[in-house]
Amino acid sequence: MKIRNKYKNSIYEIIEENDDIENLTEGGKFYRVWKDGEFQLYEVPIVQKDGSIILPKDTLSNISEEVESNIDIKSTDYKKWDKFWNNHSVTQYIIKGGFEIIDEKE
């Protein structure tokens, strides 16, 4: 089953320091917000009390247009980005406000 975010700018990519992935309550946490995306799932996700869903990083099919981030690195500073990604990893995605199931026939 494929799903997408119901509302624009509602996909949160959660990024953790590699040393702290085992304990997600400690260490530096970062996020990026994306306008649109699609995810491939094998079962209907559990909806949290606030209406959001949490998805493993390996369910991502595609994502487009970063709209917000708390990472203070310019998009053209490739050396800083390389250093950042050497020490950090995407751990999950959160879709806030709902999702839609994509008709496979579209």
N, C-alpha and C. Protein backbone atom coordinates (compact mmCIF):
# COMPACT_ATOMS: atom_id res chain seq x y z
N MET A 1 0.84 -1.16 0.00
CA MET A 1 0.00 0.00 0.00
C MET A 1 0.90 1.23 0.00
N LYS A 2 0.53 2.22 -0.82
CA LYS A 2 1.25 3.48 -0.84
C LYS A 2 0.40 4.55 -0.18
N ILE A 3 1.07 5.42 0.60
CA ILE A 3 0.36 6.54 1.20
C ILE A 3 1.12 7.82 0.93
N ARG A 4 0.44 8.95 1.10
CA ARG A 4 1.06 10.26 1.00
C ARG A 4 0.47 11.15 2.08
N ASN A 5 1.16 12.23 2.37
CA ASN A 5 0.65 13.16 3.36
C ASN A 5 -0.61 13.85 2.84
N LYS A 6 -1.59 14.02 3.71
CA LYS A 6 -2.87 14.63 3.34
C LYS A 6 -2.72 16.14 3.16
N TYR A 7 -1.85 16.74 3.96
CA TYR A 7 -1.66 18.19 3.93
C TYR A 7 -0.22 18.54 3.59
N LYS A 8 -0.02 19.60 2.83
CA LYS A 8 1.31 20.06 2.46
C LYS A 8 2.11 20.41 3.72
N ASN A 9 3.41 20.24 3.64
CA ASN A 9 4.35 20.64 4.70
C ASN A 9 4.09 19.92 6.02
N SER A 10 3.72 18.64 5.95
CA SER A 10 3.40 17.90 7.17
C SER A 10 4.25 16.65 7.38
N ILE A 11 5.32 16.50 6.58
CA ILE A 11 6.22 15.35 6.74
C ILE A 11 7.47 15.83 7.48
N TYR A 12 7.72 15.24 8.64
CA TYR A 12 8.88 15.58 9.45
C TYR A 12 9.88 14.44 9.38
N GLU A 13 11.07 14.76 8.90
CA GLU A 13 12.17 13.80 8.84
C GLU A 13 12.98 13.99 10.12
N ILE A 14 13.09 12.95 10.94
CA ILE A 14 13.80 13.03 12.20
C ILE A 14 15.22 12.50 12.01
N ILE A 15 16.20 13.29 12.43
CA ILE A 15 17.61 12.97 12.24
C ILE A 15 18.28 12.95 13.60
N GLU A 16 19.03 11.89 13.88
CA GLU A 16 19.68 11.71 15.18
C GLU A 16 21.19 11.57 14.99
N GLU A 17 21.92 11.92 16.04
CA GLU A 17 23.35 11.64 16.04
C GLU A 17 23.54 10.14 16.06
N ASN A 18 24.47 9.62 15.29
CA ASN A 18 24.68 8.18 15.19
C ASN A 18 24.94 7.51 16.54
N ASP A 19 25.68 8.17 17.42
CA ASP A 19 25.99 7.58 18.73
C ASP A 19 24.76 7.44 19.61
N ASP A 20 23.71 8.18 19.32
CA ASP A 20 22.54 8.20 20.19
C ASP A 20 21.32 7.49 19.60
N ILE A 21 21.49 6.79 18.51
CA ILE A 21 20.35 6.12 17.88
C ILE A 21 19.76 5.05 18.78
N GLU A 22 20.58 4.41 19.59
CA GLU A 22 20.06 3.39 20.50
C GLU A 22 19.17 3.99 21.58
N ASN A 23 19.47 5.21 21.99
CA ASN A 23 18.68 5.88 23.02
C ASN A 23 18.15 7.19 22.44
N LEU A 24 16.96 7.13 21.86
CA LEU A 24 16.43 8.27 21.12
C LEU A 24 16.02 9.44 22.00
N THR A 25 16.12 9.31 23.30
CA THR A 25 15.75 10.42 24.18
C THR A 25 16.94 11.30 24.52
N GLU A 26 18.13 10.94 24.08
CA GLU A 26 19.33 11.73 24.37
C GLU A 26 20.02 12.10 23.07
N GLY A 27 20.91 13.09 23.18
CA GLY A 27 21.71 13.47 22.03
C GLY A 27 21.03 14.51 21.17
N GLY A 28 21.75 14.94 20.13
CA GLY A 28 21.25 15.97 19.25
C GLY A 28 20.19 15.45 18.30
N LYS A 29 19.06 16.14 18.27
CA LYS A 29 17.99 15.77 17.35
C LYS A 29 17.78 16.92 16.37
N PHE A 30 17.59 16.56 15.14
CA PHE A 30 17.34 17.54 14.10
C PHE A 30 16.12 17.10 13.31
N TYR A 31 15.57 18.02 12.55
CA TYR A 31 14.44 17.67 11.71
C TYR A 31 14.48 18.50 10.42
N ARG A 32 13.82 17.97 9.42
CA ARG A 32 13.54 18.70 8.19
C ARG A 32 12.08 18.46 7.89
N VAL A 33 11.40 19.49 7.42
CA VAL A 33 9.99 19.38 7.05
C VAL A 33 9.93 19.40 5.52
N TRP A 34 9.15 18.47 4.98
CA TRP A 34 9.03 18.32 3.53
C TRP A 34 7.60 18.61 3.09
N LYS A 35 7.47 19.17 1.90
CA LYS A 35 6.16 19.54 1.36
C LYS A 35 5.32 18.31 1.03
N ASP A 36 5.87 17.38 0.30
CA ASP A 36 5.14 16.20 -0.16
C ASP A 36 6.02 14.97 -0.10
N GLY A 37 5.38 13.81 -0.01
CA GLY A 37 6.12 12.56 -0.04
C GLY A 37 5.20 11.37 -0.17
N GLU A 38 5.79 10.25 -0.54
CA GLU A 38 5.06 8.98 -0.63
C GLU A 38 5.84 7.92 0.12
N PHE A 39 5.09 7.00 0.70
CA PHE A 39 5.67 5.93 1.50
C PHE A 39 5.03 4.61 1.10
N GLN A 40 5.82 3.55 1.06
CA GLN A 40 5.35 2.21 0.74
C GLN A 40 5.24 1.42 2.04
N LEU A 41 4.03 0.99 2.37
CA LEU A 41 3.79 0.26 3.63
C LEU A 41 3.21 -1.11 3.34
N TYR A 42 3.38 -2.01 4.31
CA TYR A 42 2.83 -3.35 4.17
C TYR A 42 1.59 -3.53 5.04
N GLU A 43 1.34 -2.56 5.92
CA GLU A 43 0.14 -2.60 6.76
C GLU A 43 -0.26 -1.17 7.11
N VAL A 44 -1.49 -0.99 7.51
CA VAL A 44 -1.99 0.33 7.88
C VAL A 44 -1.23 0.80 9.13
N PRO A 45 -0.71 2.03 9.11
CA PRO A 45 0.06 2.50 10.27
C PRO A 45 -0.82 2.80 11.47
N ILE A 46 -0.22 2.76 12.65
CA ILE A 46 -0.94 3.09 13.88
C ILE A 46 -1.02 4.61 13.98
N VAL A 47 -2.23 5.12 14.15
CA VAL A 47 -2.43 6.56 14.28
C VAL A 47 -2.31 6.94 15.75
N GLN A 48 -1.44 7.91 16.03
CA GLN A 48 -1.21 8.38 17.40
C GLN A 48 -2.40 9.23 17.87
N LYS A 49 -2.46 9.53 19.14
CA LYS A 49 -3.56 10.32 19.69
C LYS A 49 -3.69 11.69 19.04
N ASP A 50 -2.56 12.27 18.62
CA ASP A 50 -2.60 13.59 17.98
C ASP A 50 -2.88 13.51 16.47
N GLY A 51 -3.14 12.31 15.96
CA GLY A 51 -3.45 12.12 14.55
C GLY A 51 -2.25 11.87 13.66
N SER A 52 -1.05 11.90 14.23
CA SER A 52 0.15 11.68 13.43
C SER A 52 0.45 10.18 13.31
N ILE A 53 1.30 9.87 12.34
CA ILE A 53 1.80 8.50 12.19
C ILE A 53 3.32 8.55 12.14
N ILE A 54 3.95 7.52 12.65
CA ILE A 54 5.40 7.41 12.66
C ILE A 54 5.78 6.28 11.72
N LEU A 55 6.68 6.58 10.79
CA LEU A 55 7.06 5.61 9.76
C LEU A 55 8.56 5.35 9.79
N PRO A 56 8.97 4.09 9.64
CA PRO A 56 10.40 3.79 9.54
C PRO A 56 11.00 4.42 8.29
N LYS A 57 12.28 4.73 8.35
CA LYS A 57 12.93 5.40 7.22
C LYS A 57 12.93 4.56 5.94
N ASP A 58 12.88 3.24 6.06
CA ASP A 58 12.92 2.40 4.86
C ASP A 58 11.57 2.32 4.13
N THR A 59 10.55 3.02 4.61
CA THR A 59 9.26 3.04 3.91
C THR A 59 9.16 4.19 2.91
N LEU A 60 10.13 5.10 2.91
CA LEU A 60 10.10 6.26 2.03
C LEU A 60 10.26 5.86 0.57
N SER A 61 9.32 6.30 -0.28
CA SER A 61 9.43 6.09 -1.73
C SER A 61 10.02 7.32 -2.40
N ASN A 62 9.47 8.49 -2.10
CA ASN A 62 10.02 9.75 -2.60
C ASN A 62 9.56 10.90 -1.74
N ILE A 63 10.28 11.98 -1.85
CA ILE A 63 10.01 13.16 -1.03
C ILE A 63 10.43 14.38 -1.82
N SER A 64 9.72 15.50 -1.62
CA SER A 64 10.06 16.67 -2.41
C SER A 64 9.91 17.97 -1.63
N GLU A 65 10.74 18.88 -1.95
CA GLU A 65 10.74 20.27 -1.50
C GLU A 65 10.82 20.47 0.02
N GLU A 66 12.03 20.61 0.48
CA GLU A 66 12.26 20.92 1.89
C GLU A 66 11.74 22.32 2.17
N VAL A 67 10.93 22.47 3.22
CA VAL A 67 10.33 23.78 3.53
C VAL A 67 10.82 24.36 4.86
N GLU A 68 11.42 23.53 5.71
CA GLU A 68 11.88 24.00 7.01
C GLU A 68 12.90 23.02 7.55
N SER A 69 13.81 23.53 8.39
CA SER A 69 14.81 22.68 9.01
C SER A 69 15.41 23.39 10.21
N ASN A 70 15.87 22.63 11.19
CA ASN A 70 16.61 23.24 12.28
C ASN A 70 18.11 22.95 12.16
N ILE A 71 18.56 22.55 10.98
CA ILE A 71 19.97 22.32 10.69
C ILE A 71 20.53 23.59 10.08
N ASP A 72 21.50 24.18 10.74
CA ASP A 72 22.04 25.47 10.32
C ASP A 72 23.24 25.29 9.39
N ILE A 73 22.98 24.71 8.22
CA ILE A 73 24.02 24.54 7.20
C ILE A 73 23.44 25.00 5.87
N LYS A 74 24.15 25.85 5.17
CA LYS A 74 23.68 26.31 3.86
C LYS A 74 23.66 25.14 2.89
N SER A 75 22.68 25.16 1.99
CA SER A 75 22.52 24.04 1.05
C SER A 75 23.73 23.85 0.14
N THR A 76 24.52 24.89 -0.08
CA THR A 76 25.68 24.80 -0.97
C THR A 76 26.98 24.46 -0.26
N ASP A 77 26.96 24.31 1.06
CA ASP A 77 28.16 24.01 1.82
C ASP A 77 28.34 22.49 1.92
N TYR A 78 28.84 21.91 0.84
CA TYR A 78 28.92 20.45 0.71
C TYR A 78 29.84 19.82 1.74
N LYS A 79 30.91 20.49 2.12
CA LYS A 79 31.83 19.93 3.12
C LYS A 79 31.14 19.78 4.47
N LYS A 80 30.39 20.81 4.88
CA LYS A 80 29.67 20.72 6.16
C LYS A 80 28.60 19.65 6.11
N TRP A 81 27.92 19.53 4.96
CA TRP A 81 26.89 18.49 4.83
C TRP A 81 27.52 17.10 4.89
N ASP A 82 28.65 16.91 4.24
CA ASP A 82 29.34 15.61 4.30
C ASP A 82 29.70 15.27 5.74
N LYS A 83 30.24 16.24 6.46
CA LYS A 83 30.60 16.02 7.86
C LYS A 83 29.36 15.71 8.69
N PHE A 84 28.27 16.45 8.46
CA PHE A 84 27.02 16.22 9.19
C PHE A 84 26.52 14.80 8.97
N TRP A 85 26.45 14.35 7.71
CA TRP A 85 25.91 13.02 7.41
C TRP A 85 26.84 11.90 7.83
N ASN A 86 28.12 12.19 8.06
CA ASN A 86 29.02 11.18 8.62
C ASN A 86 28.70 10.88 10.07
N ASN A 87 28.05 11.82 10.76
CA ASN A 87 27.76 11.69 12.18
C ASN A 87 26.28 11.59 12.52
N HIS A 88 25.42 11.63 11.52
CA HIS A 88 23.98 11.64 11.75
C HIS A 88 23.28 10.70 10.78
N SER A 89 22.08 10.26 11.16
CA SER A 89 21.27 9.40 10.30
C SER A 89 19.80 9.74 10.46
N VAL A 90 19.05 9.54 9.39
CA VAL A 90 17.59 9.65 9.48
C VAL A 90 17.10 8.43 10.24
N THR A 91 16.26 8.64 11.26
CA THR A 91 15.76 7.52 12.05
C THR A 91 14.30 7.21 11.78
N GLN A 92 13.51 8.22 11.39
CA GLN A 92 12.08 7.98 11.14
C GLN A 92 11.46 9.19 10.47
N TYR A 93 10.25 9.00 9.99
CA TYR A 93 9.44 10.08 9.43
C TYR A 93 8.15 10.15 10.22
N ILE A 94 7.66 11.35 10.41
CA ILE A 94 6.37 11.57 11.07
C ILE A 94 5.50 12.37 10.13
N ILE A 95 4.30 11.87 9.87
CA ILE A 95 3.32 12.63 9.09
C ILE A 95 2.29 13.15 10.07
N LYS A 96 2.14 14.47 10.09
CA LYS A 96 1.19 15.10 11.01
C LYS A 96 -0.07 15.50 10.24
N GLY A 97 -1.22 15.32 10.88
CA GLY A 97 -2.47 15.81 10.31
C GLY A 97 -3.20 14.87 9.38
N GLY A 98 -2.68 13.69 9.17
CA GLY A 98 -3.39 12.71 8.35
C GLY A 98 -2.64 12.31 7.10
N PHE A 99 -3.13 11.23 6.50
CA PHE A 99 -2.52 10.69 5.28
C PHE A 99 -3.62 10.16 4.38
N GLU A 100 -3.27 9.94 3.12
CA GLU A 100 -4.19 9.39 2.14
C GLU A 100 -3.57 8.15 1.53
N ILE A 101 -4.39 7.16 1.28
CA ILE A 101 -3.94 5.96 0.56
C ILE A 101 -3.97 6.28 -0.92
N ILE A 102 -2.91 5.98 -1.61
CA ILE A 102 -2.79 6.26 -3.05
C ILE A 102 -3.38 5.10 -3.83
N ASP A 103 -4.25 5.41 -4.74
CA ASP A 103 -4.83 4.39 -5.61
C ASP A 103 -3.73 3.94 -6.58
N GLU A 104 -3.39 2.68 -6.53
CA GLU A 104 -2.31 2.13 -7.36
C GLU A 104 -2.59 2.27 -8.86
N LYS A 105 -3.83 2.55 -9.24
CA LYS A 105 -4.20 2.68 -10.66
C LYS A 105 -3.97 4.07 -11.19
N GLU A 106 -3.60 5.04 -10.31
CA GLU A 106 -3.38 6.42 -10.76
C GLU A 106 -2.20 6.51 -11.69
